Amino acid sequence: MSPTEDDARRPRLLLIDDDAISREVLSILLEMHGYPIVCAEDGVQALDRIETESPEVILMDTQMPGLSGVDLIEALRARTGAKIVAISGSEVGEAIRQASDGFILKPIQPEDLDALLAADPRKPEASDPVSLAAAADEPVIDPQVLGKLQAMMPPAAVREIYTAVAADLKTRLVALAAAMNAGDADEVARIAHTTKGGCSMVGLTAATQAASHLECSNRNGTWAKELAQLHSALAALERILTDEFQI
């Protein structure tokens, strides 16, 4: 895809997200849409990137270990005049909305960013949160998200993304089980949140909804059931990956 004249004028982005899958997928989508982009995996690395990359717009996940949230926004403001757009798999509080120049709910699309930057950045349109209710016949992968990826890259690259997502989800399930066994509700919520963000970026509907429900309910009495739902979503994705004609 060759960038158009309008694409060439799109601002340079810095994407800050501790979830590797979210970084990879979103950076691919934005690059294909004409945005030059660099990434950082946490707040400290982002502050270093500012010194060398001079971004015009910063997309930052609002829930990350270490320097994050309003504290990160304030640290960024002290070093750059770039617009700061908060992104998250969950609705954010008023403090984040007031401190940032806009908010987009994951899974974000390049068109969402286009619209926000074209509008008054202090008054972004409200995003609709992801529904927690999953239909019984909900597809494993959202056809629209899959279709967009297939339109932008060869089949091998699409399969590589979903293979990486499956491997990442498997690792997160192990970490979730450990946090549940330790009775650490805060860690369960953190892992569920990052799992939701990564899965939503590639349209894994069932996994996104299961992780979202786990993050919101987060009661040890339902942990086993919700963990089983995530394992079921992973198994469904792995079955698809064994069929070369489905992706």
Protein backbone atom coordinates (compact mmCIF):
# COMPACT_ATOMS: atom_id res chain seq x y z
CA MET A 1 0.00 0.00 0.00
CA SER A 2 1.51 3.27 -1.11
CA PRO A 3 0.90 6.24 1.18
CA THR A 4 -1.14 9.05 -0.32
CA GLU A 5 -0.22 12.71 -0.08
CA ASP A 6 -2.56 13.00 2.92
CA ASP A 7 -0.93 9.95 4.55
CA ALA A 8 2.50 11.59 4.20
CA ARG A 9 1.32 14.51 6.34
CA ARG A 10 0.12 12.34 9.19
CA PRO A 11 1.92 13.12 12.46
CA ARG A 12 4.71 11.00 13.90
CA LEU A 13 3.39 8.74 16.67
CA LEU A 14 4.85 7.27 19.84
CA LEU A 15 2.88 4.22 21.02
CA ILE A 16 3.32 3.25 24.68
CA ASP A 17 1.87 -0.13 25.66
CA ASP A 18 3.26 -2.86 27.89
CA ASP A 19 1.35 -5.54 25.97
CA ALA A 20 3.54 -6.82 23.12
CA ILE A 21 0.63 -8.08 21.01
CA SER A 22 -1.22 -4.76 21.25
CA ARG A 23 1.96 -2.89 20.28
CA GLU A 24 2.64 -5.13 17.30
CA VAL A 25 -0.88 -5.18 15.88
CA LEU A 26 -1.64 -1.50 16.44
CA SER A 27 1.70 -0.38 15.05
CA ILE A 28 1.11 -2.46 11.91
CA LEU A 29 -2.38 -1.01 11.44
CA LEU A 30 -1.22 2.56 11.94
CA GLU A 31 1.82 2.17 9.68
CA MET A 32 -0.37 0.71 6.94
CA HIS A 33 -2.63 3.74 7.37
CA GLY A 34 0.28 6.10 6.78
CA TYR A 35 1.33 7.01 10.31
CA PRO A 36 5.08 6.93 11.04
CA ILE A 37 5.35 5.24 14.43
CA VAL A 38 7.82 4.23 17.12
CA CYS A 39 6.99 2.15 20.18
CA ALA A 40 7.85 1.99 23.86
CA GLU A 41 6.98 -0.83 26.24
CA ASP A 42 6.71 1.29 29.40
CA GLY A 43 6.74 4.84 30.70
CA VAL A 44 10.46 5.02 31.37
CA GLN A 45 11.34 3.83 27.87
CA ALA A 46 8.83 6.32 26.46
CA LEU A 47 10.62 9.23 28.12
CA ASP A 48 13.86 8.09 26.45
CA ARG A 49 12.12 7.77 23.07
CA ILE A 50 10.90 11.38 23.28
CA GLU A 51 14.47 12.63 23.38
CA THR A 52 15.42 10.90 20.13
CA GLU A 53 12.17 10.59 18.15
CA SER A 54 10.30 13.90 18.70
CA PRO A 55 6.77 12.49 18.32
CA GLU A 56 3.87 14.81 17.50
CA VAL A 57 1.22 12.52 19.00
CA ILE A 58 1.56 10.02 21.84
CA LEU A 59 -0.78 7.04 22.25
CA MET A 60 -0.43 5.64 25.77
CA ASP A 61 -2.10 2.73 27.48
CA THR A 62 -3.45 3.92 30.81
CA GLN A 63 -2.76 0.81 32.91
CA MET A 64 0.86 -0.32 32.90
CA PRO A 65 3.33 -1.40 35.58
CA GLY A 66 5.56 1.37 36.92
CA LEU A 67 5.18 4.90 35.59
CA SER A 68 1.65 5.10 34.22
CA GLY A 69 -1.66 6.96 34.21
CA VAL A 70 -1.74 10.64 35.19
CA ASP A 71 1.84 10.48 36.51
CA LEU A 72 3.09 9.40 33.08
CA ILE A 73 1.03 12.09 31.34
CA GLU A 74 2.56 14.74 33.60
CA ALA A 75 6.07 13.42 32.95
CA LEU A 76 5.43 13.48 29.20
CA ARG A 77 4.03 17.02 29.36
CA ALA A 78 7.23 18.18 31.03
CA ARG A 79 9.28 16.95 28.07
CA THR A 80 7.14 17.44 24.97
CA GLY A 81 4.34 19.47 23.48
CA ALA A 82 2.94 16.41 21.68
CA LYS A 83 -0.77 15.62 21.90
CA ILE A 84 -1.33 12.79 24.37
CA VAL A 85 -4.13 10.34 23.59
CA ALA A 86 -5.04 7.78 26.25
CA ILE A 87 -5.99 4.29 25.06
CA SER A 88 -7.37 1.44 27.13
CA GLY A 89 -9.46 -1.71 26.99
CA SER A 90 -11.66 -0.23 29.74
CA GLU A 91 -13.33 3.11 30.33
CA VAL A 92 -11.04 5.51 32.18
CA GLY A 93 -11.68 7.88 35.05
CA GLU A 94 -12.18 11.62 34.86
CA ALA A 95 -8.59 12.29 35.97
CA ILE A 96 -7.20 10.60 32.85
CA ARG A 97 -9.71 12.31 30.58
CA GLN A 98 -8.84 15.72 32.00
CA ALA A 99 -5.07 15.16 31.89
CA SER A 100 -4.95 13.75 28.34
CA ASP A 101 -5.90 15.29 24.98
CA GLY A 102 -8.38 12.56 24.17
CA PHE A 103 -9.36 8.95 24.84
CA ILE A 104 -9.97 6.01 22.52
CA LEU A 105 -11.32 2.68 23.71
CA LYS A 106 -9.50 -0.42 22.46
CA PRO A 107 -9.63 -2.04 19.97
CA ILE A 108 -8.85 1.21 18.20
CA GLN A 109 -8.77 1.61 14.44
CA PRO A 110 -6.71 4.17 12.48
CA GLU A 111 -9.96 5.90 11.54
CA ASP A 112 -10.65 6.50 15.27
CA LEU A 113 -7.37 8.35 15.59
CA ASP A 114 -7.98 10.28 12.35
CA ALA A 115 -11.32 11.48 13.70
CA LEU A 116 -9.95 12.44 17.11
CA LEU A 117 -7.04 14.42 15.68
CA ALA A 118 -9.31 16.16 13.18
CA ALA A 119 -11.68 17.22 15.98
CA ASP A 120 -11.07 19.32 19.08
CA PRO A 121 -8.65 17.02 20.96
CA ARG A 122 -10.02 18.18 24.33
CA LYS A 123 -13.54 17.04 23.42
CA PRO A 124 -13.27 13.52 21.95
CA GLU A 125 -16.35 11.58 21.05
CA ALA A 126 -17.31 9.05 23.70
CA SER A 127 -16.55 5.44 22.77
CA ASP A 128 -18.93 2.58 23.42
CA PRO A 129 -17.49 0.01 25.82
CA VAL A 130 -17.18 -3.61 24.76
CA SER A 131 -20.25 -5.58 25.79
CA LEU A 132 -19.63 -8.25 28.38
CA ALA A 133 -22.45 -10.44 27.09
CA ALA A 134 -21.24 -12.98 24.53
CA ALA A 135 -23.68 -14.55 22.11
CA ALA A 136 -23.63 -18.31 22.00
CA ASP A 137 -22.81 -18.28 18.29
CA GLU A 138 -20.18 -15.52 18.53
CA PRO A 139 -17.32 -16.20 16.09
CA VAL A 140 -13.89 -16.99 17.52
CA ILE A 141 -12.42 -14.14 15.46
CA ASP A 142 -14.38 -11.02 14.56
CA PRO A 143 -14.81 -11.28 10.74
CA GLN A 144 -14.39 -7.52 10.27
CA VAL A 145 -11.09 -7.40 12.14
CA LEU A 146 -9.83 -10.50 10.35
CA GLY A 147 -10.94 -9.06 7.01
CA LYS A 148 -9.01 -5.83 7.63
CA LEU A 149 -5.85 -7.74 8.47
CA GLN A 150 -6.24 -9.99 5.43
CA ALA A 151 -6.70 -6.94 3.21
CA MET A 152 -3.48 -5.36 4.45
CA MET A 153 -1.04 -8.25 4.56
CA PRO A 154 -0.36 -11.70 3.08
CA PRO A 155 -1.96 -14.80 4.63
CA ALA A 156 1.34 -15.93 6.17
CA ALA A 157 1.66 -12.65 8.07
CA VAL A 158 -1.93 -12.86 9.35
CA ARG A 159 -1.36 -16.42 10.52
CA GLU A 160 1.88 -15.36 12.20
CA ILE A 161 0.02 -12.69 14.19
CA TYR A 162 -2.64 -15.11 15.45
CA THR A 163 0.00 -17.75 16.22
CA ALA A 164 1.84 -15.17 18.33
CA VAL A 165 -1.42 -14.21 20.05
CA ALA A 166 -2.13 -17.86 20.89
CA ALA A 167 1.35 -18.28 22.39
CA ASP A 168 0.98 -15.06 24.37
CA LEU A 169 -2.47 -16.07 25.66
CA LYS A 170 -1.12 -19.44 26.77
CA THR A 171 1.59 -17.70 28.81
CA ARG A 172 -0.96 -15.32 30.35
CA LEU A 173 -3.19 -18.21 31.39
CA VAL A 174 -0.31 -19.72 33.34
CA ALA A 175 0.28 -16.37 35.06
CA LEU A 176 -3.44 -16.00 35.77
CA ALA A 177 -3.59 -19.43 37.38
CA ALA A 178 -0.60 -18.57 39.57
CA ALA A 179 -2.20 -15.28 40.67
CA MET A 180 -5.46 -17.05 41.43
CA ASN A 181 -3.70 -19.73 43.45
CA ALA A 182 -1.98 -16.96 45.43
CA GLY A 183 -5.30 -15.18 45.97
CA ASP A 184 -3.87 -12.01 44.42
CA ALA A 185 -6.95 -10.21 43.07
CA ASP A 186 -4.97 -7.15 41.96
CA GLU A 187 -2.66 -9.28 39.82
CA VAL A 188 -5.64 -11.20 38.41
CA ALA A 189 -7.24 -7.89 37.36
CA ARG A 190 -3.97 -6.62 35.84
CA ILE A 191 -3.42 -9.76 33.76
CA ALA A 192 -7.08 -9.87 32.71
CA HIS A 193 -6.85 -6.24 31.57
CA THR A 194 -3.74 -6.75 29.42
CA THR A 195 -5.17 -10.02 28.06
CA LYS A 196 -8.33 -8.21 27.05
CA GLY A 197 -6.34 -5.47 25.31
CA GLY A 198 -4.20 -7.87 23.29
CA CYS A 199 -7.10 -10.12 22.28
CA SER A 200 -9.35 -7.21 21.32
CA MET A 201 -6.71 -5.82 18.95
CA VAL A 202 -6.98 -8.92 16.76
CA GLY A 203 -10.71 -9.48 17.19
CA LEU A 204 -10.66 -12.53 19.46
CA THR A 205 -14.24 -11.98 20.56
CA ALA A 206 -14.74 -14.78 23.08
CA ALA A 207 -11.34 -14.30 24.70
CA THR A 208 -11.83 -10.52 24.92
CA GLN A 209 -15.22 -10.90 26.57
CA ALA A 210 -14.00 -13.59 28.98
CA ALA A 211 -11.03 -11.45 30.04
CA SER A 212 -13.25 -8.37 30.35
CA HIS A 213 -15.71 -10.23 32.55
CA LEU A 214 -12.88 -11.55 34.71
CA GLU A 215 -11.42 -8.05 35.12
CA CYS A 216 -14.79 -6.57 36.12
CA SER A 217 -16.09 -9.34 38.41
CA ASN A 218 -12.76 -10.58 39.84
CA ARG A 219 -14.22 -12.76 42.60
CA ASN A 220 -12.31 -15.84 43.67
CA GLY A 221 -15.57 -17.79 43.70
CA THR A 222 -15.84 -17.43 39.90
CA TRP A 223 -12.14 -17.50 38.97
CA ALA A 224 -12.11 -21.20 38.02
CA LYS A 225 -15.06 -20.80 35.66
CA GLU A 226 -13.65 -17.66 34.02
CA LEU A 227 -10.20 -19.21 33.63
CA ALA A 228 -11.87 -22.20 31.96
CA GLN A 229 -13.62 -19.84 29.53
CA LEU A 230 -10.29 -18.33 28.54
CA HIS A 231 -8.80 -21.79 28.06
CA SER A 232 -11.79 -22.63 25.85
CA ALA A 233 -11.21 -19.49 23.75
CA LEU A 234 -7.54 -20.42 23.35
CA ALA A 235 -8.45 -23.96 22.32
CA ALA A 236 -10.85 -22.61 19.68
CA LEU A 237 -8.13 -20.35 18.26
CA GLU A 238 -5.63 -23.21 18.19
CA ARG A 239 -8.15 -25.36 16.29
CA ILE A 240 -8.48 -22.63 13.68
CA LEU A 241 -4.70 -22.38 13.35
CA THR A 242 -4.48 -26.09 12.55
CA ASP A 243 -6.65 -25.51 9.47
CA GLU A 244 -4.60 -23.70 6.82
CA PHE A 245 -7.76 -22.62 5.00
CA GLN A 246 -9.44 -20.76 7.88
CA ILE A 247 -6.87 -17.96 8.22
